[in-house]
Protein backbone atom coordinates (compact mmCIF):
# COMPACT_ATOMS: atom_id res chain seq x y z
CA MET A 1 98.39 73.43 89.05
CA LYS A 2 99.56 76.52 90.79
CA ASN A 3 100.62 76.78 94.52
CA TYR A 4 98.42 80.01 94.94
CA LYS A 5 95.02 80.89 94.32
CA LYS A 6 93.87 84.57 94.04
CA ALA A 7 90.28 86.07 94.30
CA GLU A 8 88.98 89.72 93.91
CA ILE A 9 86.19 90.70 96.63
CA GLY A 10 86.64 94.38 95.60
CA LYS A 11 86.50 96.92 98.13
CA ILE A 12 85.88 96.65 101.81
CA GLU A 13 82.97 99.14 101.65
CA ASP A 14 81.48 97.49 98.72
CA ILE A 15 80.97 94.01 99.93
CA GLY A 16 77.36 94.97 101.15
CA LYS A 17 76.07 95.65 98.00
CA ASN A 18 77.93 92.87 96.51
CA TYR A 19 77.67 89.79 98.84
CA GLU A 20 74.90 88.04 100.68
CA ASN A 21 74.48 89.88 104.15
CA GLY A 22 77.71 92.05 103.91
CA LYS A 23 79.65 89.11 104.24
CA ALA A 24 82.36 87.88 101.27
CA PHE A 25 83.28 84.03 102.50
CA LEU A 26 86.97 83.20 101.62
CA HIS A 27 86.62 79.59 101.55
CA ASP A 28 85.03 78.91 98.58
CA LEU A 29 86.65 81.65 96.42
CA ILE A 30 90.43 80.58 97.53
CA ASP A 31 89.50 76.88 98.33
CA LEU A 32 90.53 77.33 101.80
CA THR A 33 91.45 73.95 103.36
CA SER A 34 92.64 75.10 107.34
CA CYS A 35 90.09 77.66 108.40
CA GLU A 36 87.32 79.83 107.11
CA ILE A 37 87.82 83.70 106.63
CA SER A 38 85.15 86.33 105.99
CA VAL A 39 85.46 90.19 105.15
CA ASN A 40 82.45 91.86 106.67
CA VAL A 41 80.25 95.24 106.87
CA MET A 42 77.63 95.91 108.93
CA PRO A 43 75.75 99.54 108.58
CA GLU A 44 75.35 101.69 111.73
CA GLY A 45 72.63 100.35 114.10
CA VAL A 46 72.47 97.17 112.85
CA LYS A 47 71.86 93.87 115.45
CA LEU A 48 72.37 90.51 114.46
CA PRO A 49 68.59 89.48 115.02
CA PHE A 50 69.93 86.09 116.65
CA LYS A 51 72.77 84.66 118.72
CA HIS A 52 74.96 81.33 117.89
CA LYS A 53 77.79 79.61 119.22
CA HIS A 54 79.90 77.03 117.41
CA LYS A 55 80.10 73.32 117.94
CA GLN A 56 84.67 73.34 116.99
CA ASN A 57 85.61 76.59 115.71
CA GLU A 58 86.87 79.73 117.57
CA GLU A 59 86.15 83.03 115.95
CA ILE A 60 88.87 86.17 115.95
CA TYR A 61 87.44 89.08 114.87
CA ILE A 62 89.57 91.84 113.68
CA PHE A 63 87.83 95.26 113.40
CA LEU A 64 89.32 97.38 111.06
CA LYS A 65 86.73 100.48 111.32
CA GLY A 66 83.60 101.54 113.30
CA GLU A 67 82.59 100.72 116.72
CA GLY A 68 80.23 99.08 118.77
CA THR A 69 79.24 96.15 120.79
CA MET A 70 79.75 91.96 120.92
CA THR A 71 77.61 90.08 123.81
CA LEU A 72 79.68 87.39 124.86
CA ASP A 73 77.80 85.12 127.24
CA GLY A 74 75.71 87.67 128.27
CA GLU A 75 78.63 90.02 128.74
CA ALA A 76 78.70 93.32 126.90
CA VAL A 77 82.12 93.93 124.93
CA GLU A 78 82.89 96.83 123.54
CA PHE A 79 84.76 97.37 120.38
CA LYS A 80 86.44 99.89 117.65
CA GLU A 81 88.96 100.29 115.03
CA GLY A 82 91.84 97.88 115.87
CA SER A 83 90.20 96.01 118.39
CA CYS A 84 90.76 92.06 118.16
CA ILE A 85 88.39 89.64 119.93
CA LYS A 86 88.55 85.70 120.34
CA VAL A 87 85.81 83.87 121.06
CA LEU A 88 85.88 80.35 121.85
CA PRO A 89 83.32 77.84 120.47
CA SER A 90 81.11 77.17 123.36
CA ALA A 91 80.75 81.29 124.09
CA SER A 92 76.87 82.26 122.88
CA ARG A 93 77.62 85.73 120.92
CA THR A 94 75.88 88.48 118.90
CA MET A 95 76.56 92.29 117.60
CA GLU A 96 75.57 95.66 117.48
CA ALA A 97 77.04 98.27 114.91
CA LYS A 98 77.10 101.82 116.91
CA THR A 99 78.39 103.22 113.76
CA ALA A 100 78.85 101.36 110.31
CA ILE A 101 81.74 98.76 111.23
CA GLU A 102 84.04 96.63 108.70
CA TYR A 103 85.78 93.61 110.14
CA ILE A 104 87.75 90.25 109.56
CA CYS A 105 86.45 87.03 110.84
CA VAL A 106 88.48 84.26 110.88
CA GLN A 107 87.10 80.44 112.11
CA ALA A 108 89.71 77.85 112.83
CA LYS A 109 89.31 74.44 114.99
CA GLU A 110 89.80 75.49 118.47
CA ASN A 111 93.94 74.06 119.98
CA SER A 112 94.70 73.01 116.13
CA LEU A 113 97.12 75.14 115.93
CA VAL A 114 100.80 73.18 116.10
CA GLN A 115 103.16 75.72 113.91
CA PHE A 116 102.89 79.43 113.60
CA GLY A 117 105.36 82.36 112.67
CA PHE A 118 108.74 81.19 111.75
CA GLY A 119 108.16 77.86 113.51
CA ASP A 120 106.57 76.59 110.46
CA GLY A 121 108.77 78.81 107.74
CA GLU A 122 111.95 78.17 106.02
CA ILE A 123 114.09 80.48 104.17
CA CYS A 124 114.06 79.31 100.32
CA GLN A 125 116.93 79.95 98.06
């Protein structure tokens, strides 16, 4: 067994055509065991038809293209290309795209990260 797994999701702008609801989930594609990552597109003017929250996972949204608004616990939070937003599990959330948006969403169990960056790395010979 190899120490890596590779999958192709195609061009980000084509995710809406190739994946249900414009979301490519990486959990099953590359057998993730520590988090869920999705690569997402939303057309201009689309608003998620529901609010949701999580039981234990925080979400990190990394916006790659476009502009919109997230409503977090009733507060409108604007985002644009380059915005990064962390949302705690208990926060109610929904999103609306002012323009077509592309973003990555990472879900991971809140307070589970114990090592990161160089603290988790070692130089190999």
